[in-house]
């Protein structure tokens, strides 16, 4: 299960293809009081690097459909809530991802997942991450509280883990990556983010492989094409078996994700969007 979760995380870098391997179940804001107090106390002495966000804004909603082989397996949404919220003194984007299995797939393997993150509006790092998943009866409940002043994560139960500066969670990584600068990218260039997943620090890497215009459910879109660097042999047969297409504009929205896995093939397509921050790269 851990291997699958990490593959999900790789896909999160540039796509909601996070939904393609496990899908995105009902969490609540869990603002750990001590974490908020630490943020308040330490902000006076030090602040975080400012990172400009041109890729998304409040109110953005992305909708996806997932196919496993020829079968429609699930639908999912990623929503930036219309209003920012406070975590301690920090203004944050509140972002929620929901996924639910559909049709025949739902009969055999019911999925009811919800991911939730609170991302600092100025620094684009997470303060709170909630994960509540039910996937075929396998349940995951995680409530992580990040402190980017002390570079630690409180995962509850008295456990804390060290992190490197700028570390992301599974959902914030997706939004942070959308703000990476690909304007001078050359084929073969590798982009990386550090992410904290399942009580582990994990480097997420994606390789740029070129440009391609694809026909999609939202029109003909000019895209940048990436291949997340995955561990072959467990879920994927080879490194090239996972491909992501993102819009070649300032939104960097995942348009399609496609994966060949050991037991079949998975495809994720953008089916709708609203309140995006920039014009879509349509032809």
C-alpha atoms as a PDB file:
ATOM      1  CA  UNK A   1       0.000   0.000   0.000  1.00  0.00           C
ATOM      2  CA  UNK A   2       2.862   2.410   0.751  1.00  0.00           C
ATOM      3  CA  UNK A   3       4.275   1.910  -2.751  1.00  0.00           C
ATOM      4  CA  UNK A   4       0.909   2.787  -4.272  1.00  0.00           C
ATOM      5  CA  UNK A   5       0.593   5.883  -2.091  1.00  0.00           C
ATOM      6  CA  UNK A   6       3.985   7.125  -3.236  1.00  0.00           C
ATOM      7  CA  UNK A   7       3.113   6.590  -6.880  1.00  0.00           C
ATOM      8  CA  UNK A   8      -0.008   8.622  -6.203  1.00  0.00           C
ATOM      9  CA  UNK A   9       2.194  11.313  -4.771  1.00  0.00           C
ATOM     10  CA  UNK A  10       4.461  11.388  -7.810  1.00  0.00           C
ATOM     11  CA  UNK A  11       1.451  11.970 -10.005  1.00  0.00           C
ATOM     12  CA  UNK A  12       0.286  14.730  -7.707  1.00  0.00           C
ATOM     13  CA  UNK A  13       3.233  16.833  -8.789  1.00  0.00           C
ATOM     14  CA  UNK A  14       1.682  17.835 -12.037  1.00  0.00           C
ATOM     15  CA  UNK A  15      -1.707  16.257 -12.176  1.00  0.00           C
ATOM     16  CA  UNK A  16      -4.672  15.195 -10.366  1.00  0.00           C
ATOM     17  CA  UNK A  17      -3.548  11.875 -11.648  1.00  0.00           C
ATOM     18  CA  UNK A  18      -3.193  11.531  -7.943  1.00  0.00           C
ATOM     19  CA  UNK A  19      -6.751  10.447  -8.551  1.00  0.00           C
ATOM     20  CA  UNK A  20      -5.640   8.036 -11.208  1.00  0.00           C
ATOM     21  CA  UNK A  21      -4.041   5.486  -8.945  1.00  0.00           C
ATOM     22  CA  UNK A  22      -5.955   5.907  -5.699  1.00  0.00           C
ATOM     23  CA  UNK A  23      -8.508   8.714  -6.273  1.00  0.00           C
ATOM     24  CA  UNK A  24      -9.085  11.520  -4.167  1.00  0.00           C
ATOM     25  CA  UNK A  25     -13.450  11.347   1.999  1.00  0.00           C
ATOM     26  CA  UNK A  26     -14.595  13.509   4.611  1.00  0.00           C
ATOM     27  CA  UNK A  27     -12.167  15.517   6.694  1.00  0.00           C
ATOM     28  CA  UNK A  28     -12.460  18.528   8.882  1.00  0.00           C
ATOM     29  CA  UNK A  29     -10.065  21.343   9.551  1.00  0.00           C
ATOM     30  CA  UNK A  30      -7.822  20.168  12.366  1.00  0.00           C
ATOM     31  CA  UNK A  31      -5.925  23.282  13.326  1.00  0.00           C
ATOM     32  CA  UNK A  32      -3.614  22.032  16.033  1.00  0.00           C
ATOM     33  CA  UNK A  33      -3.574  24.727  18.733  1.00  0.00           C
ATOM     34  CA  UNK A  34       0.093  24.301  19.624  1.00  0.00           C
ATOM     35  CA  UNK A  35       1.092  24.561  15.966  1.00  0.00           C
ATOM     36  CA  UNK A  36      -0.855  27.807  15.588  1.00  0.00           C
ATOM     37  CA  UNK A  37       0.749  29.167  18.759  1.00  0.00           C
ATOM     38  CA  UNK A  38       4.218  28.293  17.448  1.00  0.00           C
ATOM     39  CA  UNK A  39       3.466  30.052  14.171  1.00  0.00           C
ATOM     40  CA  UNK A  40       2.377  33.158  16.044  1.00  0.00           C
ATOM     41  CA  UNK A  41       5.407  33.147  18.324  1.00  0.00           C
ATOM     42  CA  UNK A  42       8.002  32.507  15.639  1.00  0.00           C
ATOM     43  CA  UNK A  43       6.651  34.765  12.900  1.00  0.00           C
ATOM     44  CA  UNK A  44       7.850  37.787  14.865  1.00  0.00           C
ATOM     45  CA  UNK A  45      11.444  36.570  14.629  1.00  0.00           C
ATOM     46  CA  UNK A  46      11.532  35.122  11.105  1.00  0.00           C
ATOM     47  CA  UNK A  47       9.389  35.000   7.992  1.00  0.00           C
ATOM     48  CA  UNK A  48       9.190  32.632   5.064  1.00  0.00           C
ATOM     49  CA  UNK A  49      10.330  33.224   1.470  1.00  0.00           C
ATOM     50  CA  UNK A  50       7.625  34.815  -0.677  1.00  0.00           C
ATOM     51  CA  UNK A  51       6.614  32.840  -3.775  1.00  0.00           C
ATOM     52  CA  UNK A  52       4.470  34.397  -6.475  1.00  0.00           C
ATOM     53  CA  UNK A  53       1.343  32.495  -7.477  1.00  0.00           C
ATOM     54  CA  UNK A  54       0.236  33.021 -11.072  1.00  0.00           C
ATOM     55  CA  UNK A  55      -1.248  29.562 -11.663  1.00  0.00           C
ATOM     56  CA  UNK A  56      -4.491  29.501  -9.650  1.00  0.00           C
ATOM     57  CA  UNK A  57      -6.844  31.643  -7.593  1.00  0.00           C
ATOM     58  CA  UNK A  58      -9.688  31.400  -5.106  1.00  0.00           C
ATOM     59  CA  UNK A  59     -12.757  29.716  -6.585  1.00  0.00           C
ATOM     60  CA  UNK A  60     -10.943  27.530  -9.124  1.00  0.00           C
ATOM     61  CA  UNK A  61     -12.588  24.139  -9.676  1.00  0.00           C
ATOM     62  CA  UNK A  62     -11.144  21.310 -11.780  1.00  0.00           C
ATOM     63  CA  UNK A  63     -13.182  18.198 -12.631  1.00  0.00           C
ATOM     64  CA  UNK A  64     -11.760  14.867 -13.803  1.00  0.00           C
ATOM     65  CA  UNK A  65     -12.942  11.490 -15.016  1.00  0.00           C
ATOM     66  CA  UNK A  66     -10.893   8.338 -14.498  1.00  0.00           C
ATOM     67  CA  UNK A  67     -10.988   5.219 -16.664  1.00  0.00           C
ATOM     68  CA  UNK A  68      -9.507   1.843 -15.806  1.00  0.00           C
ATOM     69  CA  UNK A  69      -9.182   0.134 -19.166  1.00  0.00           C
ATOM     70  CA  UNK A  70     -12.481   0.772 -20.966  1.00  0.00           C
ATOM     71  CA  UNK A  71     -14.415   1.095 -17.711  1.00  0.00           C
ATOM     72  CA  UNK A  72     -15.281   4.448 -16.134  1.00  0.00           C
ATOM     73  CA  UNK A  73     -13.858   4.061 -12.641  1.00  0.00           C
ATOM     74  CA  UNK A  74     -14.265   7.381 -10.852  1.00  0.00           C
ATOM     75  CA  UNK A  75     -14.855  11.098 -10.929  1.00  0.00           C
ATOM     76  CA  UNK A  76     -12.983  13.696  -8.908  1.00  0.00           C
ATOM     77  CA  UNK A  77     -12.807  17.410  -8.229  1.00  0.00           C
ATOM     78  CA  UNK A  78     -10.121  19.733  -6.945  1.00  0.00           C
ATOM     79  CA  UNK A  79     -11.476  22.993  -5.521  1.00  0.00           C
ATOM     80  CA  UNK A  80      -9.769  26.110  -4.217  1.00  0.00           C
ATOM     81  CA  UNK A  81     -12.379  27.460  -1.812  1.00  0.00           C
ATOM     82  CA  UNK A  82     -13.693  30.970  -2.648  1.00  0.00           C
ATOM     83  CA  UNK A  83     -12.393  32.557   0.568  1.00  0.00           C
ATOM     84  CA  UNK A  84      -8.990  32.376   2.205  1.00  0.00           C
ATOM     85  CA  UNK A  85      -8.766  31.245   5.824  1.00  0.00           C
ATOM     86  CA  UNK A  86      -6.451  32.018   8.731  1.00  0.00           C
ATOM     87  CA  UNK A  87      -4.051  29.508  10.256  1.00  0.00           C
ATOM     88  CA  UNK A  88      -2.624  31.490  13.127  1.00  0.00           C
ATOM     89  CA  UNK A  89      -1.686  34.833  11.565  1.00  0.00           C
ATOM     90  CA  UNK A  90      -1.212  33.358   8.083  1.00  0.00           C
ATOM     91  CA  UNK A  91      -3.655  33.814   5.188  1.00  0.00           C
ATOM     92  CA  UNK A  92      -4.177  30.457   3.496  1.00  0.00           C
ATOM     93  CA  UNK A  93      -5.814  28.932   0.450  1.00  0.00           C
ATOM     94  CA  UNK A  94      -8.203  26.174   1.553  1.00  0.00           C
ATOM     95  CA  UNK A  95      -8.113  23.408  -1.046  1.00  0.00           C
ATOM     96  CA  UNK A  96     -10.238  20.261  -1.098  1.00  0.00           C
ATOM     97  CA  UNK A  97     -10.016  17.220  -3.358  1.00  0.00           C
ATOM     98  CA  UNK A  98     -12.865  14.716  -3.461  1.00  0.00           C
ATOM     99  CA  UNK A  99     -13.089  11.452  -5.385  1.00  0.00           C
ATOM    100  CA  UNK A 100     -15.749   8.775  -5.681  1.00  0.00           C
ATOM    101  CA  UNK A 101     -15.801   5.514  -7.612  1.00  0.00           C
ATOM    102  CA  UNK A 102     -18.506   5.017 -10.228  1.00  0.00           C
ATOM    103  CA  UNK A 103     -20.546   2.304 -11.937  1.00  0.00           C
ATOM    104  CA  UNK A 104     -19.265  -1.260 -11.976  1.00  0.00           C
ATOM    105  CA  UNK A 105     -15.985  -0.206 -10.437  1.00  0.00           C
ATOM    106  CA  UNK A 106     -17.902   1.166  -7.455  1.00  0.00           C
ATOM    107  CA  UNK A 107     -19.591  -2.209  -6.960  1.00  0.00           C
ATOM    108  CA  UNK A 108     -16.288  -4.077  -6.785  1.00  0.00           C
ATOM    109  CA  UNK A 109     -14.063  -1.437  -5.178  1.00  0.00           C
ATOM    110  CA  UNK A 110     -15.852   1.426  -3.462  1.00  0.00           C
ATOM    111  CA  UNK A 111     -13.842   4.629  -3.060  1.00  0.00           C
ATOM    112  CA  UNK A 112     -14.848   7.630  -0.960  1.00  0.00           C
ATOM    113  CA  UNK A 113     -11.834   9.905  -0.585  1.00  0.00           C
ATOM    114  CA  UNK A 114     -11.182  13.427   0.579  1.00  0.00           C
ATOM    115  CA  UNK A 115      -7.909  15.329   0.752  1.00  0.00           C
ATOM    116  CA  UNK A 116      -7.677  18.780   2.296  1.00  0.00           C
ATOM    117  CA  UNK A 117      -4.840  21.274   2.632  1.00  0.00           C
ATOM    118  CA  UNK A 118      -4.325  24.818   3.886  1.00  0.00           C
ATOM    119  CA  UNK A 119      -1.579  26.495   1.830  1.00  0.00           C
ATOM    120  CA  UNK A 120       0.151  29.703   2.856  1.00  0.00           C
ATOM    121  CA  UNK A 121      -0.904  32.392   0.394  1.00  0.00           C
ATOM    122  CA  UNK A 122       2.487  34.120   0.417  1.00  0.00           C
ATOM    123  CA  UNK A 123       4.879  31.180   0.608  1.00  0.00           C
ATOM    124  CA  UNK A 124       2.845  28.364  -1.021  1.00  0.00           C
ATOM    125  CA  UNK A 125       3.666  25.839   1.706  1.00  0.00           C
ATOM    126  CA  UNK A 126       1.113  23.810   3.689  1.00  0.00           C
ATOM    127  CA  UNK A 127       0.243  24.363   7.353  1.00  0.00           C
ATOM    128  CA  UNK A 128      -2.495  21.734   7.742  1.00  0.00           C
ATOM    129  CA  UNK A 129      -3.088  18.547   5.750  1.00  0.00           C
ATOM    130  CA  UNK A 130      -6.050  16.217   6.293  1.00  0.00           C
ATOM    131  CA  UNK A 131      -6.514  12.918   4.507  1.00  0.00           C
ATOM    132  CA  UNK A 132      -9.592  10.752   4.992  1.00  0.00           C
ATOM    133  CA  UNK A 133      -9.857   7.839   2.585  1.00  0.00           C
ATOM    134  CA  UNK A 134     -11.927   4.707   2.261  1.00  0.00           C
ATOM    135  CA  UNK A 135     -10.722   2.584  -0.640  1.00  0.00           C
ATOM    136  CA  UNK A 136     -12.328  -0.820  -0.827  1.00  0.00           C
ATOM    137  CA  UNK A 137     -12.617  -0.887   2.959  1.00  0.00           C
ATOM    138  CA  UNK A 138      -8.994   0.156   3.497  1.00  0.00           C
ATOM    139  CA  UNK A 139      -9.225   3.340   5.562  1.00  0.00           C
ATOM    140  CA  UNK A 140      -6.663   6.077   6.036  1.00  0.00           C
ATOM    141  CA  UNK A 141      -7.037   9.012   8.423  1.00  0.00           C
ATOM    142  CA  UNK A 142      -4.193  11.512   8.622  1.00  0.00           C
ATOM    143  CA  UNK A 143      -4.026  14.948  10.215  1.00  0.00           C
ATOM    144  CA  UNK A 144      -0.645  16.604   9.755  1.00  0.00           C
ATOM    145  CA  UNK A 145       0.330  20.012  11.152  1.00  0.00           C
ATOM    146  CA  UNK A 146       3.349  21.603   9.476  1.00  0.00           C
ATOM    147  CA  UNK A 147       5.613  24.165  11.129  1.00  0.00           C
ATOM    148  CA  UNK A 148       7.846  25.764   8.511  1.00  0.00           C
ATOM    149  CA  UNK A 149       9.636  27.926  11.060  1.00  0.00           C
ATOM    150  CA  UNK A 150      10.963  24.937  12.971  1.00  0.00           C
ATOM    151  CA  UNK A 151      10.886  22.627   9.896  1.00  0.00           C
ATOM    152  CA  UNK A 152       8.868  19.905  11.602  1.00  0.00           C
ATOM    153  CA  UNK A 153       5.589  18.048  11.045  1.00  0.00           C
ATOM    154  CA  UNK A 154       3.325  17.007  13.913  1.00  0.00           C
ATOM    155  CA  UNK A 155       1.459  13.864  12.815  1.00  0.00           C
ATOM    156  CA  UNK A 156      -0.362  13.344  16.108  1.00  0.00           C
ATOM    157  CA  UNK A 157       0.138  10.773  18.835  1.00  0.00           C
ATOM    158  CA  UNK A 158       3.166  12.654  20.116  1.00  0.00           C
ATOM    159  CA  UNK A 159       5.111  12.061  16.886  1.00  0.00           C
ATOM    160  CA  UNK A 160       6.988  14.786  15.019  1.00  0.00           C
ATOM    161  CA  UNK A 161       9.268  14.480  12.012  1.00  0.00           C
ATOM    162  CA  UNK A 162      11.935  16.826  10.589  1.00  0.00           C
ATOM    163  CA  UNK A 163      11.377  18.271   7.116  1.00  0.00           C
ATOM    164  CA  UNK A 164      13.453  20.348   4.720  1.00  0.00           C
ATOM    165  CA  UNK A 165      12.487  23.979   3.956  1.00  0.00           C
ATOM    166  CA  UNK A 166       9.607  24.234   1.504  1.00  0.00           C
ATOM    167  CA  UNK A 167       8.346  20.675   1.994  1.00  0.00           C
ATOM    168  CA  UNK A 168       4.877  20.003   0.554  1.00  0.00           C
ATOM    169  CA  UNK A 169       2.032  17.607   1.310  1.00  0.00           C
ATOM    170  CA  UNK A 170       0.342  15.406  -1.317  1.00  0.00           C
ATOM    171  CA  UNK A 171      -2.080  18.104  -2.474  1.00  0.00           C
ATOM    172  CA  UNK A 172      -0.047  21.278  -1.940  1.00  0.00           C
ATOM    173  CA  UNK A 173       2.688  19.704  -4.093  1.00  0.00           C
ATOM    174  CA  UNK A 174       0.298  19.784  -7.036  1.00  0.00           C
ATOM    175  CA  UNK A 175      -0.430  23.509  -6.610  1.00  0.00           C
ATOM    176  CA  UNK A 176       3.171  24.422  -5.870  1.00  0.00           C
ATOM    177  CA  UNK A 177       4.347  22.574  -8.982  1.00  0.00           C
ATOM    178  CA  UNK A 178       1.884  24.497 -11.134  1.00  0.00           C
ATOM    179  CA  UNK A 179       3.936  27.592 -10.333  1.00  0.00           C
ATOM    180  CA  UNK A 180       7.249  26.117 -11.489  1.00  0.00           C
ATOM    181  CA  UNK A 181       8.857  28.014 -14.362  1.00  0.00           C
ATOM    182  CA  UNK A 182       8.976  25.786 -17.450  1.00  0.00           C
ATOM    183  CA  UNK A 183       9.590  28.612 -19.933  1.00  0.00           C
ATOM    184  CA  UNK A 184      13.199  27.574 -20.586  1.00  0.00           C
ATOM    185  CA  UNK A 185      12.734  23.838 -20.082  1.00  0.00           C
ATOM    186  CA  UNK A 186      14.687  21.530 -22.384  1.00  0.00           C
ATOM    187  CA  UNK A 187      13.845  17.920 -23.106  1.00  0.00           C
ATOM    188  CA  UNK A 188      15.312  15.750 -20.384  1.00  0.00           C
ATOM    189  CA  UNK A 189      15.272  18.471 -17.709  1.00  0.00           C
ATOM    190  CA  UNK A 190      14.180  17.157 -14.305  1.00  0.00           C
ATOM    191  CA  UNK A 191      12.176  19.229 -11.816  1.00  0.00           C
ATOM    192  CA  UNK A 192      11.919  18.253  -8.157  1.00  0.00           C
ATOM    193  CA  UNK A 193       9.864  18.991  -5.043  1.00  0.00           C
ATOM    194  CA  UNK A 194      10.240  17.657  -1.525  1.00  0.00           C
ATOM    195  CA  UNK A 195       7.099  16.106  -0.077  1.00  0.00           C
ATOM    196  CA  UNK A 196       6.115  14.556   3.247  1.00  0.00           C
ATOM    197  CA  UNK A 197       4.006  11.421   2.716  1.00  0.00           C
ATOM    198  CA  UNK A 198       3.030   8.674   5.164  1.00  0.00           C
ATOM    199  CA  UNK A 199       5.518   9.872   7.795  1.00  0.00           C
ATOM    200  CA  UNK A 200       8.369   9.977   5.299  1.00  0.00           C
ATOM    201  CA  UNK A 201      10.269  12.696   3.463  1.00  0.00           C
ATOM    202  CA  UNK A 202      10.153  11.889  -0.192  1.00  0.00           C
ATOM    203  CA  UNK A 203      11.607  13.640  -3.271  1.00  0.00           C
ATOM    204  CA  UNK A 204       9.136  13.972  -6.151  1.00  0.00           C
ATOM    205  CA  UNK A 205      10.722  14.289  -9.583  1.00  0.00           C
ATOM    206  CA  UNK A 206       9.318  14.874 -13.056  1.00  0.00           C
ATOM    207  CA  UNK A 207      11.088  14.829 -16.421  1.00  0.00           C
ATOM    208  CA  UNK A 208      10.154  17.232 -19.209  1.00  0.00           C
ATOM    209  CA  UNK A 209       9.812  15.389 -22.528  1.00  0.00           C
ATOM    210  CA  UNK A 210       8.488  18.076 -24.890  1.00  0.00           C
ATOM    211  CA  UNK A 211       5.345  19.742 -26.214  1.00  0.00           C
ATOM    212  CA  UNK A 212       2.234  18.208 -27.739  1.00  0.00           C
ATOM    213  CA  UNK A 213      -1.219  19.425 -28.739  1.00  0.00           C
ATOM    214  CA  UNK A 214      -3.937  16.996 -27.684  1.00  0.00           C
ATOM    215  CA  UNK A 215      -7.672  16.668 -28.248  1.00  0.00           C
ATOM    216  CA  UNK A 216      -9.456  16.599 -24.921  1.00  0.00           C
ATOM    217  CA  UNK A 217     -12.960  16.836 -23.470  1.00  0.00           C
ATOM    218  CA  UNK A 218     -12.410  20.567 -22.972  1.00  0.00           C
ATOM    219  CA  UNK A 219     -11.076  21.208 -26.476  1.00  0.00           C
ATOM    220  CA  UNK A 220      -7.826  21.060 -28.383  1.00  0.00           C
ATOM    221  CA  UNK A 221      -5.125  22.123 -25.907  1.00  0.00           C
ATOM    222  CA  UNK A 222      -1.448  22.956 -26.329  1.00  0.00           C
ATOM    223  CA  UNK A 223       0.372  20.997 -23.642  1.00  0.00           C
ATOM    224  CA  UNK A 224       3.699  20.444 -21.957  1.00  0.00           C
ATOM    225  CA  UNK A 225       4.447  16.751 -21.580  1.00  0.00           C
ATOM    226  CA  UNK A 226       6.076  15.233 -18.500  1.00  0.00           C
ATOM    227  CA  UNK A 227       6.999  11.823 -17.189  1.00  0.00           C
ATOM    228  CA  UNK A 228       7.147  11.504 -13.408  1.00  0.00           C
ATOM    229  CA  UNK A 229      10.177   9.440 -12.434  1.00  0.00           C
ATOM    230  CA  UNK A 230       8.717   6.282 -10.903  1.00  0.00           C
ATOM    231  CA  UNK A 231      10.084   3.085  -9.436  1.00  0.00           C
ATOM    232  CA  UNK A 232       9.608   0.423 -12.068  1.00  0.00           C
ATOM    233  CA  UNK A 233       8.847  -3.181 -11.282  1.00  0.00           C
ATOM    234  CA  UNK A 234       6.271  -2.802  -8.487  1.00  0.00           C
ATOM    235  CA  UNK A 235       3.329  -1.000 -10.046  1.00  0.00           C
ATOM    236  CA  UNK A 236       4.872   0.177 -13.342  1.00  0.00           C
ATOM    237  CA  UNK A 237       6.740  -2.005 -15.799  1.00  0.00           C
ATOM    238  CA  UNK A 238       9.103   0.781 -16.784  1.00  0.00           C
ATOM    239  CA  UNK A 239       9.825   4.428 -16.064  1.00  0.00           C
ATOM    240  CA  UNK A 240       8.037   5.674 -19.178  1.00  0.00           C
ATOM    241  CA  UNK A 241       4.708   4.105 -18.213  1.00  0.00           C
ATOM    242  CA  UNK A 242       3.324   7.262 -16.566  1.00  0.00           C
ATOM    243  CA  UNK A 243       2.772  10.407 -18.637  1.00  0.00           C
ATOM    244  CA  UNK A 244       1.173  13.751 -17.755  1.00  0.00           C
ATOM    245  CA  UNK A 245       0.050  16.529 -20.111  1.00  0.00           C
ATOM    246  CA  UNK A 246      -0.410  20.023 -18.619  1.00  0.00           C
ATOM    247  CA  UNK A 247      -1.689  23.151 -20.337  1.00  0.00           C
ATOM    248  CA  UNK A 248       1.063  25.227 -21.932  1.00  0.00           C
ATOM    249  CA  UNK A 249      -0.033  28.463 -20.279  1.00  0.00           C
ATOM    250  CA  UNK A 250       0.346  30.106 -16.877  1.00  0.00           C
ATOM    251  CA  UNK A 251      -2.348  27.865 -15.366  1.00  0.00           C
ATOM    252  CA  UNK A 252      -0.351  24.647 -15.874  1.00  0.00           C
ATOM    253  CA  UNK A 253      -3.548  22.637 -15.462  1.00  0.00           C
ATOM    254  CA  UNK A 254      -3.284  18.852 -15.890  1.00  0.00           C
ATOM    255  CA  UNK A 255      -5.311  17.974 -18.979  1.00  0.00           C
ATOM    256  CA  UNK A 256      -4.570  14.263 -19.149  1.00  0.00           C
ATOM    257  CA  UNK A 257      -2.749  11.580 -17.199  1.00  0.00           C
ATOM    258  CA  UNK A 258      -2.066   8.136 -18.584  1.00  0.00           C
ATOM    259  CA  UNK A 259      -0.454   5.156 -16.868  1.00  0.00           C
ATOM    260  CA  UNK A 260       0.364   1.614 -17.853  1.00  0.00           C
ATOM    261  CA  UNK A 261       0.460  -0.476 -14.713  1.00  0.00           C
ATOM    262  CA  UNK A 262       1.233  -4.130 -14.098  1.00  0.00           C
ATOM    263  CA  UNK A 263      -2.446  -5.058 -14.131  1.00  0.00           C
ATOM    264  CA  UNK A 264      -3.811  -2.813 -16.875  1.00  0.00           C
ATOM    265  CA  UNK A 265      -3.981   0.836 -17.854  1.00  0.00           C
ATOM    266  CA  UNK A 266      -5.397   3.959 -16.224  1.00  0.00           C
ATOM    267  CA  UNK A 267      -6.398   7.209 -17.914  1.00  0.00           C
ATOM    268  CA  UNK A 268      -7.455  10.512 -16.347  1.00  0.00           C
ATOM    269  CA  UNK A 269      -9.013  13.372 -18.321  1.00  0.00           C
ATOM    270  CA  UNK A 270     -10.012  16.904 -17.411  1.00  0.00           C
ATOM    271  CA  UNK A 271     -13.759  17.182 -18.035  1.00  0.00           C
ATOM    272  CA  UNK A 272     -14.410  20.713 -16.849  1.00  0.00           C
ATOM    273  CA  UNK A 273     -12.986  23.815 -15.219  1.00  0.00           C
ATOM    274  CA  UNK A 274     -14.113  27.187 -13.934  1.00  0.00           C
ATOM    275  CA  UNK A 275     -12.636  30.342 -12.409  1.00  0.00           C
ATOM    276  CA  UNK A 276      -9.146  29.676 -13.735  1.00  0.00           C
ATOM    277  CA  UNK A 277      -6.566  32.409 -13.338  1.00  0.00           C
ATOM    278  CA  UNK A 278      -5.396  32.722 -16.960  1.00  0.00           C
ATOM    279  CA  UNK A 279      -6.711  31.962 -20.468  1.00  0.00           C
ATOM    280  CA  UNK A 280      -6.486  28.282 -21.413  1.00  0.00           C
ATOM    281  CA  UNK A 281      -4.004  27.351 -24.180  1.00  0.00           C
ATOM    282  CA  UNK A 282      -6.674  26.359 -26.688  1.00  0.00           C
ATOM    283  CA  UNK A 283      -6.179  26.081 -30.447  1.00  0.00           C
END
